[in-house]
Protein backbone atom coordinates (compact mmCIF):
# COMPACT_ATOMS: atom_id res chain seq x y z
CA MET A 1 0.00 0.00 0.00
CA ARG A 2 2.82 2.38 0.86
CA HIS A 3 4.39 1.67 -2.55
CA ILE A 4 1.08 2.42 -4.30
CA ALA A 5 0.58 5.61 -2.29
CA GLY A 6 4.09 6.77 -3.19
CA ARG A 7 3.46 6.13 -6.87
CA VAL A 8 0.15 8.00 -6.76
CA LEU A 9 1.89 10.93 -5.07
CA ARG A 10 4.61 11.04 -7.74
CA LEU A 11 2.04 10.94 -10.52
CA SER A 12 0.06 13.69 -8.81
CA VAL A 13 3.13 15.89 -8.54
CA ARG A 14 3.92 15.33 -12.22
CA ALA A 15 0.35 16.18 -13.14
CA LEU A 16 0.53 19.40 -11.14
CA VAL A 17 3.80 20.36 -12.82
CA TRP A 18 2.25 19.69 -16.24
CA VAL A 19 -0.83 21.77 -15.39
CA ARG A 20 1.31 24.65 -14.15
CA ARG A 21 3.37 24.58 -17.34
CA TRP A 22 0.25 24.40 -19.48
CA ILE A 23 -1.32 27.39 -17.67
CA ALA A 24 1.95 29.35 -17.94
CA GLY A 25 2.08 28.60 -21.66
CA GLN A 26 -1.51 29.75 -22.18
CA VAL A 27 -0.86 32.96 -20.25
CA GLN A 28 2.18 33.72 -22.39
CA TRP A 29 0.22 32.89 -25.55
CA LEU A 30 -2.49 35.36 -24.53
CA ARG A 31 0.16 37.97 -23.82
CA GLY A 32 1.59 37.24 -27.26
CA LEU A 33 -1.80 37.97 -28.79
CA LEU A 34 -2.12 41.20 -26.83
CA ARG A 35 1.34 42.38 -27.83
CA TRP A 36 0.70 41.55 -31.48
CA ARG A 37 2.42 43.86 -33.94
CA SER A 38 4.13 43.42 -37.29
CA ASN A 39 7.67 43.22 -35.84
CA TYR A 40 9.88 44.22 -32.91
CA ILE A 41 12.76 45.69 -34.89
CA GLN A 42 14.23 48.72 -33.10
CA ALA A 43 17.26 49.53 -35.27
CA ARG A 44 18.62 48.61 -38.67
CA TRP A 45 22.04 49.05 -40.28
CA PRO A 46 23.19 48.16 -43.79
CA GLY A 47 26.00 45.66 -44.07
CA ALA A 48 28.82 45.52 -46.59
CA ALA A 49 27.16 42.87 -48.80
CA ASP A 50 25.59 44.48 -51.85
CA GLY A 51 22.61 43.42 -53.90
CA ALA A 52 19.20 41.98 -53.21
CA LEU A 53 18.38 39.36 -50.62
CA ASP A 54 18.07 36.47 -53.04
CA GLY A 55 19.88 33.24 -53.82
CA LYS A 56 21.27 31.92 -50.52
CA VAL A 57 20.21 33.88 -47.43
CA CYS A 58 20.87 33.18 -43.75
CA VAL A 59 18.89 34.75 -40.90
CA PHE A 60 21.31 34.53 -37.97
CA VAL A 61 20.09 35.20 -34.43
CA HIS A 62 22.41 36.60 -31.75
CA PHE A 63 22.00 37.31 -28.06
CA ASP A 64 24.39 38.61 -25.43
CA ARG A 65 23.29 40.49 -22.32
CA ARG A 66 26.07 43.04 -22.74
CA GLY A 67 25.67 43.31 -26.50
CA VAL A 68 29.07 41.75 -27.22
CA VAL A 69 29.57 39.89 -30.50
CA HIS A 70 32.07 37.25 -29.44
CA ASP A 71 34.89 35.90 -31.59
CA PHE A 72 33.25 32.48 -31.99
CA VAL A 73 30.21 34.21 -33.52
CA LEU A 74 32.39 36.14 -35.98
CA HIS A 75 34.03 32.85 -37.00
CA TYR A 76 30.58 31.37 -37.68
CA LEU A 77 29.58 34.39 -39.76
CA ARG A 78 32.80 34.21 -41.80
CA SER A 79 32.11 30.56 -42.59
CA LEU A 80 28.56 31.40 -43.68
CA LYS A 81 29.81 34.20 -45.91
CA ALA A 82 32.47 31.92 -47.41
CA ALA A 83 29.69 29.45 -48.24
CA GLY A 84 27.93 32.15 -50.27
CA PHE A 85 25.20 33.20 -47.85
CA LYS A 86 23.92 36.75 -47.61
CA ILE A 87 23.44 37.21 -43.88
CA VAL A 88 20.66 39.02 -42.05
CA PHE A 89 22.09 39.38 -38.54
CA VAL A 90 19.32 39.72 -35.94
CA SER A 91 20.34 40.62 -32.39
CA ASN A 92 18.06 40.26 -29.38
CA ALA A 93 20.61 42.09 -27.23
CA PRO A 94 19.51 45.25 -25.36
CA GLN A 95 22.27 47.08 -27.21
CA LEU A 96 25.11 46.22 -29.56
CA ASP A 97 28.75 46.88 -28.77
CA LEU A 98 29.93 49.40 -31.38
CA ALA A 99 33.14 47.55 -32.19
CA GLY A 100 31.23 44.31 -32.61
CA LEU A 101 28.59 46.01 -34.73
CA GLU A 102 31.21 47.28 -37.18
CA MET A 103 32.79 43.83 -37.50
CA VAL A 104 29.38 42.27 -38.10
CA ARG A 105 28.48 44.84 -40.77
CA VAL A 106 31.59 43.87 -42.75
CA LEU A 107 30.33 40.27 -42.93
CA THR A 108 26.60 40.77 -43.46
CA HIS A 109 23.93 42.20 -45.73
CA THR A 110 21.79 43.72 -42.97
CA VAL A 111 22.00 44.07 -39.19
CA LEU A 112 18.84 44.30 -37.08
CA ARG A 113 18.48 44.90 -33.36
CA ARG A 114 15.12 44.05 -31.86
CA SER A 115 13.31 43.70 -28.54
CA ASN A 116 14.02 40.35 -26.93
CA VAL A 117 10.53 38.87 -27.25
CA GLY A 118 9.45 35.58 -28.79
CA TYR A 119 12.78 33.78 -28.37
CA ASP A 120 14.54 32.70 -31.59
CA PHE A 121 11.32 32.24 -33.52
CA GLY A 122 10.34 35.86 -32.93
CA ALA A 123 13.78 36.89 -34.19
CA TYR A 124 13.63 34.51 -37.15
CA LYS A 125 10.24 35.96 -38.05
CA ASP A 126 11.53 39.55 -37.96
CA GLY A 127 14.58 38.60 -40.02
CA ILE A 128 12.49 36.81 -42.63
CA SER A 129 10.14 39.80 -42.79
CA ILE A 130 12.76 41.99 -44.51
CA ILE A 131 13.32 39.51 -47.36
CA PRO A 132 11.33 41.01 -50.26
CA ASP A 133 10.50 37.80 -52.12
CA LEU A 134 10.94 34.32 -50.63
CA GLY A 135 10.30 32.89 -54.08
CA LYS A 136 13.68 34.22 -55.25
CA LEU A 137 15.59 32.21 -52.67
CA ASP A 138 17.48 29.05 -53.53
CA PHE A 139 18.11 28.39 -49.84
CA LEU A 140 17.08 30.00 -46.58
CA LEU A 141 19.13 29.10 -43.50
CA LEU A 142 17.91 29.85 -39.98
CA ALA A 143 20.79 29.67 -37.51
CA ASN A 144 21.77 31.05 -34.12
CA ASP A 145 24.69 31.47 -31.76
CA SER A 146 23.69 28.62 -29.42
CA VAL A 147 26.53 26.48 -30.81
CA TYR A 148 30.30 26.65 -31.10
CA GLY A 149 31.77 26.04 -34.53
CA PRO A 150 31.77 25.26 -37.33
CA PHE A 151 34.81 23.01 -37.04
CA SER A 152 34.85 22.53 -40.80
CA PRO A 153 33.61 24.73 -43.68
CA ILE A 154 29.87 25.25 -44.00
CA ALA A 155 30.31 24.72 -47.74
CA ASP A 156 31.48 21.15 -47.06
CA LEU A 157 28.43 20.55 -44.88
CA LEU A 158 26.04 21.72 -47.59
CA ALA A 159 27.79 19.73 -50.30
CA GLY A 160 26.31 16.54 -48.86
CA ILE A 161 22.70 17.68 -49.20
CA ASP A 162 20.50 15.50 -51.39
CA GLN A 163 17.73 17.72 -52.73
CA GLY A 164 16.02 14.72 -54.26
CA ARG A 165 15.56 13.18 -50.83
CA ALA A 166 14.32 16.19 -48.86
CA GLN A 167 13.23 19.81 -49.19
CA PHE A 168 14.35 21.04 -45.77
CA TRP A 169 17.06 19.97 -43.38
CA GLY A 170 18.17 20.32 -39.79
CA LEU A 171 21.62 19.73 -38.40
CA THR A 172 20.15 17.27 -35.88
CA ASP A 173 16.72 15.82 -35.23
CA SER A 174 14.77 14.87 -32.14
CA TRP A 175 12.13 12.27 -31.30
CA GLU A 176 11.17 14.05 -28.07
CA ALA A 177 7.46 14.97 -28.09
CA THR A 178 7.25 13.90 -31.74
CA TYR A 179 9.75 13.75 -34.56
CA HIS A 180 11.12 17.14 -35.63
CA LEU A 181 14.26 18.95 -36.69
CA GLN A 182 16.01 21.04 -34.05
CA SER A 183 15.77 24.75 -34.74
CA TYR A 184 19.31 26.02 -34.11
CA PHE A 185 20.20 25.17 -37.71
CA LEU A 186 17.40 24.81 -40.27
CA LEU A 187 17.92 24.94 -44.01
CA PHE A 188 15.04 25.27 -46.47
CA GLY A 189 15.31 24.66 -50.20
CA HIS A 190 13.45 26.65 -52.85
CA ARG A 191 10.43 24.35 -52.89
CA ALA A 192 9.97 24.58 -49.12
CA VAL A 193 10.61 28.30 -48.71
CA SER A 194 8.25 29.22 -51.54
CA HIS A 195 5.45 26.93 -50.33
CA GLU A 196 2.32 28.57 -48.94
CA ALA A 197 2.57 26.38 -45.82
CA PHE A 198 5.94 27.96 -45.01
CA ARG A 199 4.60 31.48 -45.41
CA ARG A 200 1.45 30.65 -43.46
CA PHE A 201 3.53 29.28 -40.59
CA TRP A 202 5.50 32.51 -40.19
CA ARG A 203 2.39 34.67 -40.47
CA GLY A 204 0.97 32.70 -37.54
CA VAL A 205 4.03 33.00 -35.27
CA ARG A 206 3.27 35.09 -32.19
CA TYR A 207 5.84 36.75 -29.94
CA VAL A 208 5.33 34.41 -27.00
CA ASN A 209 7.78 34.43 -24.08
CA SER A 210 7.28 30.82 -23.04
CA LYS A 211 10.10 28.47 -24.02
CA PRO A 212 8.02 25.26 -23.67
CA TYR A 213 5.27 26.83 -25.78
CA VAL A 214 7.73 27.99 -28.46
CA ILE A 215 9.37 24.55 -28.63
CA ARG A 216 6.05 22.71 -28.85
CA LYS A 217 4.19 25.11 -31.12
CA TYR A 218 6.99 26.42 -33.33
CA GLU A 219 10.09 24.20 -33.24
CA VAL A 220 8.05 20.99 -33.39
CA GLY A 221 5.19 22.66 -35.27
CA LEU A 222 7.34 23.92 -38.16
CA SER A 223 8.65 20.47 -39.05
CA ARG A 224 5.27 18.82 -38.58
CA GLY A 225 3.44 21.47 -40.58
CA LEU A 226 5.74 21.17 -43.59
CA MET A 227 5.69 17.39 -43.44
CA LYS A 228 1.89 17.48 -43.37
CA VAL A 229 1.77 19.16 -46.80
CA GLY A 230 4.13 16.61 -48.32
CA LEU A 231 7.51 18.30 -47.84
CA ARG A 232 10.23 15.99 -46.59
CA GLY A 233 12.61 16.96 -43.83
CA ALA A 234 15.92 15.29 -43.05
CA ALA A 235 18.68 15.59 -40.46
CA LEU A 236 22.23 16.03 -41.68
CA PHE A 237 23.33 14.14 -38.56
CA SER A 238 20.45 11.93 -37.52
CA SER A 239 19.85 10.70 -34.00
CA ARG A 240 19.22 7.19 -35.34
CA GLU A 241 22.71 7.09 -36.85
CA ALA A 242 24.28 8.43 -33.66
CA ILE A 243 22.45 5.74 -31.69
CA ARG A 244 23.70 3.07 -34.11
CA HIS A 245 27.25 4.06 -33.21
CA VAL A 246 26.49 3.31 -29.57
CA MET A 247 25.06 -0.07 -30.50
CA ASP A 248 28.06 -0.83 -32.71
CA GLU A 249 30.46 0.03 -29.88
CA VAL A 250 28.69 -2.35 -27.52
CA ASN A 251 28.41 -5.12 -30.11
CA SER A 252 32.11 -4.79 -30.95
CA GLY A 253 33.05 -5.53 -27.34
CA ALA A 254 33.69 -2.04 -26.00
CA LEU A 255 32.19 -2.97 -22.62
CA VAL A 256 34.98 -5.52 -22.05
CA ASN A 257 37.73 -3.48 -23.66
CA PRO A 258 40.51 -3.12 -21.03
CA ALA A 259 41.59 0.18 -22.61
CA LEU A 260 38.24 1.72 -21.65
CA ASP A 261 38.16 3.19 -18.15
CA ASP A 262 35.42 2.16 -15.72
CA ASP A 263 33.52 5.46 -15.91
CA SER A 264 33.41 5.36 -19.72
CA ARG A 265 32.27 1.74 -19.63
CA LYS A 266 29.48 2.56 -17.18
CA TYR A 267 28.29 5.48 -19.28
CA LEU A 268 28.30 3.42 -22.47
CA LYS A 269 26.35 0.70 -20.69
CA ARG A 270 23.84 3.28 -19.45
CA MET A 271 23.40 4.71 -22.95
CA HIS A 272 22.94 1.21 -24.34
CA ARG A 273 20.16 0.50 -21.84
CA VAL A 274 18.41 3.75 -22.73
CA VAL A 275 18.70 3.04 -26.45
CA GLU A 276 17.43 -0.52 -26.00
CA ARG A 277 14.29 0.86 -24.34
CA GLY A 278 13.71 3.12 -27.35
CA ALA A 279 13.80 6.26 -25.20
CA ALA A 280 14.15 9.59 -27.01
CA LEU A 281 17.57 11.17 -26.48
CA ASN A 282 18.82 14.68 -27.10
CA VAL A 283 21.83 13.44 -29.04
CA SER A 284 23.37 16.92 -29.25
CA HIS A 285 23.98 16.50 -25.50
CA PHE A 286 24.17 12.78 -24.69
CA LEU A 287 26.10 11.74 -27.82
CA TRP A 288 27.91 15.00 -28.60
CA ASP A 289 31.31 13.32 -28.99
CA ARG A 290 29.99 10.63 -31.35
CA LEU A 291 28.41 13.35 -33.47
CA ILE A 292 31.72 15.18 -33.80
CA VAL A 293 34.20 12.29 -34.04
CA LYS A 294 32.30 9.51 -35.79
CA MET A 295 29.83 11.53 -37.89
CA GLY A 296 31.72 14.75 -38.62
CA CYS A 297 29.19 17.14 -37.09
CA PRO A 298 30.87 20.57 -37.10
CA PHE A 299 29.10 22.07 -34.06
CA LEU A 300 28.94 21.70 -30.27
CA LYS A 301 26.02 23.01 -28.23
CA ARG A 302 27.03 25.88 -25.94
CA GLU A 303 24.58 24.79 -23.26
CA LEU A 304 26.46 21.51 -22.87
CA LEU A 305 29.58 23.37 -21.71
CA GLU A 306 27.85 26.26 -19.96
CA LYS A 307 25.28 24.29 -17.94
CA ASN A 308 25.38 20.59 -18.82
CA PRO A 309 21.74 20.38 -17.67
CA VAL A 310 21.46 16.58 -17.84
CA ALA A 311 24.90 15.95 -16.26
CA VAL A 312 26.52 14.25 -19.25
CA PRO A 313 29.94 12.93 -18.13
CA PHE A 314 33.29 13.61 -19.80
CA VAL A 315 32.24 16.99 -21.20
CA GLY A 316 35.58 18.30 -19.91
CA ARG A 317 37.21 16.46 -22.82
CA TRP A 318 35.61 18.81 -25.34
CA GLN A 319 38.85 20.54 -26.35
CA GLU A 320 40.64 17.24 -26.91
CA VAL A 321 37.72 15.90 -28.95
CA ILE A 322 37.52 18.93 -31.25
CA SER A 323 41.29 19.20 -31.72
CA GLY A 324 41.42 15.54 -32.66
CA VAL A 325 39.30 16.05 -35.77
CA SER A 326 39.69 19.73 -36.69
CA ASP A 327 42.11 22.65 -36.81
CA TYR A 328 39.39 24.91 -35.36
CA ASP A 329 40.85 27.41 -32.90
CA THR A 330 39.41 26.16 -29.60
CA ASP A 331 40.66 29.33 -27.92
CA LEU A 332 37.58 31.00 -29.44
CA ILE A 333 35.52 28.84 -27.06
CA VAL A 334 37.91 29.23 -24.14
CA ARG A 335 37.82 33.03 -24.40
CA HIS A 336 34.02 33.06 -24.47
CA LEU A 337 33.79 30.77 -21.45
CA GLU A 338 36.33 32.88 -19.56
CA GLN A 339 34.21 35.98 -20.14
CA THR A 340 30.79 34.49 -19.41
CA LEU A 341 30.95 31.35 -17.28
CA LYS A 342 30.16 31.64 -13.55
CA ASN A 343 30.80 29.15 -10.72
CA ARG A 344 31.77 26.43 -13.18
CA VAL A 345 34.90 25.24 -14.97
CA VAL A 346 34.97 23.01 -18.02
């Protein structure tokens, strides 16, 4: 009876948490309706890139509380420019550091600063709003500064895209909630970006300050909405492939490999059990090293180093992992962490 009572209590607590989150999401949605306006752009500067916003365009979202544009962001922008993208740089910062602003203008077509409402999807929407004709785009990339990298050229990453297989792509995918592409790097081909479903989605985006709501309604909703009208989405580095690497390691005898330390063996065993149950994993956290080393993923999530919210072990090896496969200057990451990290070393 005590066991049953404890289980009922746990379920009740979970239900209360869910209800609170649902109510909070609805409140933020209503606030989003009340604050409805065409955009939240506060300032606009021309960049050095000439010509119309056509061909390959990237809407890149930035945020820093002090308005600093860090070196790792500039590296990302240079790689995008080298890959032929015209960049619309959208900052949610309360102000932009003047030195950083000038460096960004050299690399971009347009710089926008906006009120920090609606998370990345509010910023994506405002960035997309200045593109005169989506039908003239070959590719539209939505990206943000929530990752470190790229550790290899963006052009190399895009060279592997099969436009016969899909019409839009994410760097990674997720099976949490329901299958979708993660929104920190989303690439849309001409067919997707010119589809009425794509335009209708962005017209319907509200500036809602509820992260769970934005993830459910917009991150998940964008993929699902496009798939519903027959457009195919694909991950450049799929979670299923990352999981297969875990299975292959176990099947090849890694768990009895004397060269593997006990902690690594325990973690691999834990991941194997989770995978065997078919549980959804955020592979950009749990399998970050497999993504980089075995699959060639050129990015690392900042949150993994800054917070490591699900306590993934061995994250402290990040510099060794990146240097083992790339000539990327890891000091770009070190300098950012030195300037921003508090009460944590990694």
